[in-house]
Amino acid sequence: MDRNEAERALAEAGATGSRMRAQVRSRGIVAAGLGVLAAVILIVFGVLVPPPASYAIMTVGLAPLMALTIYTATRPVVPRHYRTRYAVCGAVGALIYSVVVTVGSAVFPGSWAWWLPGALLTAVPFFVVAYLDLKAGRESSA
């Protein structure tokens, strides 16, 4: 390998690294957006919209989470621990979501004191993943 080939290889590696960092940042932003979406869905479901319509809103709102799960599972190459991180996030988020909806529907229908903290708690796993993804993007650029 001569000097010119080495310089081209280094430039290509730098460009690839930049693309990967941008993808990690965008995944972090998507994870934070999913956290916000989960919180909004719970508030709409629990307080703002009467039950028949709220079920449709909840179903439509969960579509982005399913899309992210399918997208992640079908990628041939993803950052290290990415699949595990999102699987744990999805499972914990779904567990919290299920508890909030089940208990809230039966015991606290329409109560802001139940649904708002429950919505915020449901968003926490997504915000943790967003933080870890954004942190990984910053560390890899340093």
C-alpha atoms as a PDB file:
ATOM      1  CA  MET A   1       0.000   0.000   0.000  1.00  0.00           C
ATOM      2  CA  ASP A   2       1.466   3.326  -1.003  1.00  0.00           C
ATOM      3  CA  ARG A   3       0.934   6.699   0.640  1.00  0.00           C
ATOM      4  CA  ASN A   4      -1.995   7.743  -1.602  1.00  0.00           C
ATOM      5  CA  GLU A   5      -3.879   4.502  -0.978  1.00  0.00           C
ATOM      6  CA  ALA A   6      -3.339   4.884   2.760  1.00  0.00           C
ATOM      7  CA  GLU A   7      -4.650   8.467   2.689  1.00  0.00           C
ATOM      8  CA  ARG A   8      -7.744   7.377   0.734  1.00  0.00           C
ATOM      9  CA  ALA A   9      -8.365   4.524   3.175  1.00  0.00           C
ATOM     10  CA  LEU A  10      -8.087   6.905   6.146  1.00  0.00           C
ATOM     11  CA  ALA A  11     -10.432   9.403   4.509  1.00  0.00           C
ATOM     12  CA  GLU A  12     -12.946   6.646   3.795  1.00  0.00           C
ATOM     13  CA  ALA A  13     -12.704   5.405   7.387  1.00  0.00           C
ATOM     14  CA  GLY A  14     -13.303   8.949   8.648  1.00  0.00           C
ATOM     15  CA  ALA A  15     -16.371   9.331   6.437  1.00  0.00           C
ATOM     16  CA  THR A  16     -17.731   5.979   7.606  1.00  0.00           C
ATOM     17  CA  GLY A  17     -17.175   6.994  11.238  1.00  0.00           C
ATOM     18  CA  SER A  18     -19.062  10.244  10.671  1.00  0.00           C
ATOM     19  CA  ARG A  19     -22.015   8.378   9.159  1.00  0.00           C
ATOM     20  CA  MET A  20     -22.102   5.925  12.074  1.00  0.00           C
ATOM     21  CA  ARG A  21     -22.038   8.762  14.659  1.00  0.00           C
ATOM     22  CA  ALA A  22     -24.902  10.487  12.853  1.00  0.00           C
ATOM     23  CA  GLN A  23     -26.911   7.258  12.925  1.00  0.00           C
ATOM     24  CA  VAL A  24     -26.286   6.821  16.660  1.00  0.00           C
ATOM     25  CA  ARG A  25     -27.424  10.405  17.298  1.00  0.00           C
ATOM     26  CA  SER A  26     -30.553   9.903  15.220  1.00  0.00           C
ATOM     27  CA  ARG A  27     -31.356   6.699  17.111  1.00  0.00           C
ATOM     28  CA  GLY A  28     -31.069   8.608  20.381  1.00  0.00           C
ATOM     29  CA  ILE A  29     -33.440  11.268  19.119  1.00  0.00           C
ATOM     30  CA  VAL A  30     -35.900   8.588  17.971  1.00  0.00           C
ATOM     31  CA  ALA A  31     -35.741   6.887  21.384  1.00  0.00           C
ATOM     32  CA  ALA A  32     -36.453  10.195  23.145  1.00  0.00           C
ATOM     33  CA  GLY A  33     -39.331  10.796  20.741  1.00  0.00           C
ATOM     34  CA  LEU A  34     -40.748   7.378  21.563  1.00  0.00           C
ATOM     35  CA  GLY A  35     -40.575   8.248  25.265  1.00  0.00           C
ATOM     36  CA  VAL A  36     -42.524  11.430  24.665  1.00  0.00           C
ATOM     37  CA  LEU A  37     -44.996   9.512  22.494  1.00  0.00           C
ATOM     38  CA  ALA A  38     -45.530   6.859  25.186  1.00  0.00           C
ATOM     39  CA  ALA A  39     -46.206   9.559  27.788  1.00  0.00           C
ATOM     40  CA  VAL A  40     -48.630  11.420  25.515  1.00  0.00           C
ATOM     41  CA  ILE A  41     -50.482   8.210  24.655  1.00  0.00           C
ATOM     42  CA  LEU A  42     -50.981   7.410  28.326  1.00  0.00           C
ATOM     43  CA  ILE A  43     -52.234  10.900  29.163  1.00  0.00           C
ATOM     44  CA  VAL A  44     -54.625  10.837  26.210  1.00  0.00           C
ATOM     45  CA  PHE A  45     -55.754   7.317  27.074  1.00  0.00           C
ATOM     46  CA  GLY A  46     -56.238   7.975  30.764  1.00  0.00           C
ATOM     47  CA  VAL A  47     -57.520  11.519  31.013  1.00  0.00           C
ATOM     48  CA  LEU A  48     -58.262  13.463  27.865  1.00  0.00           C
ATOM     49  CA  VAL A  49     -60.310  11.211  25.588  1.00  0.00           C
ATOM     50  CA  PRO A  50     -63.298   9.051  26.565  1.00  0.00           C
ATOM     51  CA  PRO A  51     -62.711   5.268  26.376  1.00  0.00           C
ATOM     52  CA  PRO A  52     -63.999   4.219  22.936  1.00  0.00           C
ATOM     53  CA  ALA A  53     -61.833   6.721  21.064  1.00  0.00           C
ATOM     54  CA  SER A  54     -58.854   6.365  23.409  1.00  0.00           C
ATOM     55  CA  TYR A  55     -58.386   2.705  22.447  1.00  0.00           C
ATOM     56  CA  ALA A  56     -57.922   3.647  18.794  1.00  0.00           C
ATOM     57  CA  ILE A  57     -55.479   6.422  19.715  1.00  0.00           C
ATOM     58  CA  MET A  58     -53.480   4.018  21.864  1.00  0.00           C
ATOM     59  CA  THR A  59     -53.286   1.449  19.066  1.00  0.00           C
ATOM     60  CA  VAL A  60     -52.169   4.001  16.472  1.00  0.00           C
ATOM     61  CA  GLY A  61     -49.657   5.494  18.897  1.00  0.00           C
ATOM     62  CA  LEU A  62     -47.987   2.145  19.520  1.00  0.00           C
ATOM     63  CA  ALA A  63     -47.238   1.680  15.804  1.00  0.00           C
ATOM     64  CA  PRO A  64     -43.936   3.655  15.945  1.00  0.00           C
ATOM     65  CA  LEU A  65     -42.687   1.453  18.795  1.00  0.00           C
ATOM     66  CA  MET A  66     -43.473  -1.656  16.791  1.00  0.00           C
ATOM     67  CA  ALA A  67     -41.789  -0.143  13.731  1.00  0.00           C
ATOM     68  CA  LEU A  68     -38.624   0.562  15.735  1.00  0.00           C
ATOM     69  CA  THR A  69     -38.604  -2.967  17.122  1.00  0.00           C
ATOM     70  CA  ILE A  70     -38.983  -4.507  13.668  1.00  0.00           C
ATOM     71  CA  TYR A  71     -36.403  -2.136  12.167  1.00  0.00           C
ATOM     72  CA  THR A  72     -33.879  -2.981  14.880  1.00  0.00           C
ATOM     73  CA  ALA A  73     -34.431  -6.716  14.560  1.00  0.00           C
ATOM     74  CA  THR A  74     -33.919  -6.679  10.793  1.00  0.00           C
ATOM     75  CA  ARG A  75     -30.665  -4.674  10.659  1.00  0.00           C
ATOM     76  CA  PRO A  76     -27.680  -6.834   9.749  1.00  0.00           C
ATOM     77  CA  VAL A  77     -25.211  -4.563  11.564  1.00  0.00           C
ATOM     78  CA  VAL A  78     -25.998  -2.448  14.612  1.00  0.00           C
ATOM     79  CA  PRO A  79     -23.839  -0.920  17.350  1.00  0.00           C
ATOM     80  CA  ARG A  80     -22.750  -3.179  20.177  1.00  0.00           C
ATOM     81  CA  HIS A  81     -25.464  -4.004  22.730  1.00  0.00           C
ATOM     82  CA  TYR A  82     -28.039  -2.126  20.636  1.00  0.00           C
ATOM     83  CA  ARG A  83     -30.487  -5.015  20.261  1.00  0.00           C
ATOM     84  CA  THR A  84     -30.218  -5.909  23.949  1.00  0.00           C
ATOM     85  CA  ARG A  85     -30.623  -2.292  25.004  1.00  0.00           C
ATOM     86  CA  TYR A  86     -33.788  -1.826  22.971  1.00  0.00           C
ATOM     87  CA  ALA A  87     -35.209  -5.223  23.954  1.00  0.00           C
ATOM     88  CA  VAL A  88     -34.807  -4.380  27.645  1.00  0.00           C
ATOM     89  CA  CYS A  89     -36.184  -0.873  27.076  1.00  0.00           C
ATOM     90  CA  GLY A  90     -39.214  -2.230  25.257  1.00  0.00           C
ATOM     91  CA  ALA A  91     -39.889  -4.902  27.873  1.00  0.00           C
ATOM     92  CA  VAL A  92     -39.549  -2.537  30.839  1.00  0.00           C
ATOM     93  CA  GLY A  93     -41.570   0.167  29.078  1.00  0.00           C
ATOM     94  CA  ALA A  94     -44.308  -2.329  28.206  1.00  0.00           C
ATOM     95  CA  LEU A  95     -44.420  -3.629  31.783  1.00  0.00           C
ATOM     96  CA  ILE A  96     -44.744  -0.137  33.254  1.00  0.00           C
ATOM     97  CA  TYR A  97     -47.277   0.806  30.575  1.00  0.00           C
ATOM     98  CA  SER A  98     -49.367  -2.303  31.290  1.00  0.00           C
ATOM     99  CA  VAL A  99     -49.411  -1.677  35.036  1.00  0.00           C
ATOM    100  CA  VAL A 100     -50.336   1.987  34.590  1.00  0.00           C
ATOM    101  CA  VAL A 101     -53.157   1.189  32.145  1.00  0.00           C
ATOM    102  CA  THR A 102     -54.535  -1.786  34.074  1.00  0.00           C
ATOM    103  CA  VAL A 103     -54.520  -0.185  37.515  1.00  0.00           C
ATOM    104  CA  GLY A 104     -55.447   3.255  36.204  1.00  0.00           C
ATOM    105  CA  SER A 105     -58.429   2.033  34.207  1.00  0.00           C
ATOM    106  CA  ALA A 106     -59.800   0.057  37.150  1.00  0.00           C
ATOM    107  CA  VAL A 107     -58.970   2.298  40.102  1.00  0.00           C
ATOM    108  CA  PHE A 108     -58.103   5.812  38.868  1.00  0.00           C
ATOM    109  CA  PRO A 109     -60.099   6.586  35.699  1.00  0.00           C
ATOM    110  CA  GLY A 110     -59.544  10.197  34.684  1.00  0.00           C
ATOM    111  CA  SER A 111     -57.250  11.026  37.627  1.00  0.00           C
ATOM    112  CA  TRP A 112     -54.327  13.288  36.688  1.00  0.00           C
ATOM    113  CA  ALA A 113     -52.620  12.252  39.939  1.00  0.00           C
ATOM    114  CA  TRP A 114     -52.288   8.697  38.557  1.00  0.00           C
ATOM    115  CA  TRP A 115     -51.918   9.155  34.826  1.00  0.00           C
ATOM    116  CA  LEU A 116     -49.346  11.971  34.717  1.00  0.00           C
ATOM    117  CA  PRO A 117     -46.729  10.267  36.952  1.00  0.00           C
ATOM    118  CA  GLY A 118     -47.486   6.958  35.220  1.00  0.00           C
ATOM    119  CA  ALA A 119     -46.907   8.566  31.826  1.00  0.00           C
ATOM    120  CA  LEU A 120     -43.612  10.076  32.946  1.00  0.00           C
ATOM    121  CA  LEU A 121     -42.488   6.775  34.461  1.00  0.00           C
ATOM    122  CA  THR A 122     -43.338   4.951  31.231  1.00  0.00           C
ATOM    123  CA  ALA A 123     -41.104   7.347  29.292  1.00  0.00           C
ATOM    124  CA  VAL A 124     -38.063   6.802  31.544  1.00  0.00           C
ATOM    125  CA  PRO A 125     -36.707   3.629  29.820  1.00  0.00           C
ATOM    126  CA  PHE A 126     -36.788   5.394  26.450  1.00  0.00           C
ATOM    127  CA  PHE A 127     -35.026   8.449  27.850  1.00  0.00           C
ATOM    128  CA  VAL A 128     -32.333   6.218  29.372  1.00  0.00           C
ATOM    129  CA  VAL A 129     -31.753   4.571  25.988  1.00  0.00           C
ATOM    130  CA  ALA A 130     -31.689   7.987  24.293  1.00  0.00           C
ATOM    131  CA  TYR A 131     -29.106   9.207  26.801  1.00  0.00           C
ATOM    132  CA  LEU A 132     -26.934   6.112  26.306  1.00  0.00           C
ATOM    133  CA  ASP A 133     -27.150   6.388  22.510  1.00  0.00           C
ATOM    134  CA  LEU A 134     -26.327  10.093  22.490  1.00  0.00           C
ATOM    135  CA  LYS A 135     -23.487   9.534  24.959  1.00  0.00           C
ATOM    136  CA  ALA A 136     -22.085   6.750  22.756  1.00  0.00           C
ATOM    137  CA  GLY A 137     -22.233   9.086  19.758  1.00  0.00           C
ATOM    138  CA  ARG A 138     -20.292  11.782  21.614  1.00  0.00           C
ATOM    139  CA  GLU A 139     -17.694   9.337  22.969  1.00  0.00           C
ATOM    140  CA  SER A 140     -17.014   7.860  19.555  1.00  0.00           C
ATOM    141  CA  SER A 141     -16.417  11.321  18.097  1.00  0.00           C
ATOM    142  CA  ALA A 142     -13.855  12.246  20.764  1.00  0.00           C
END
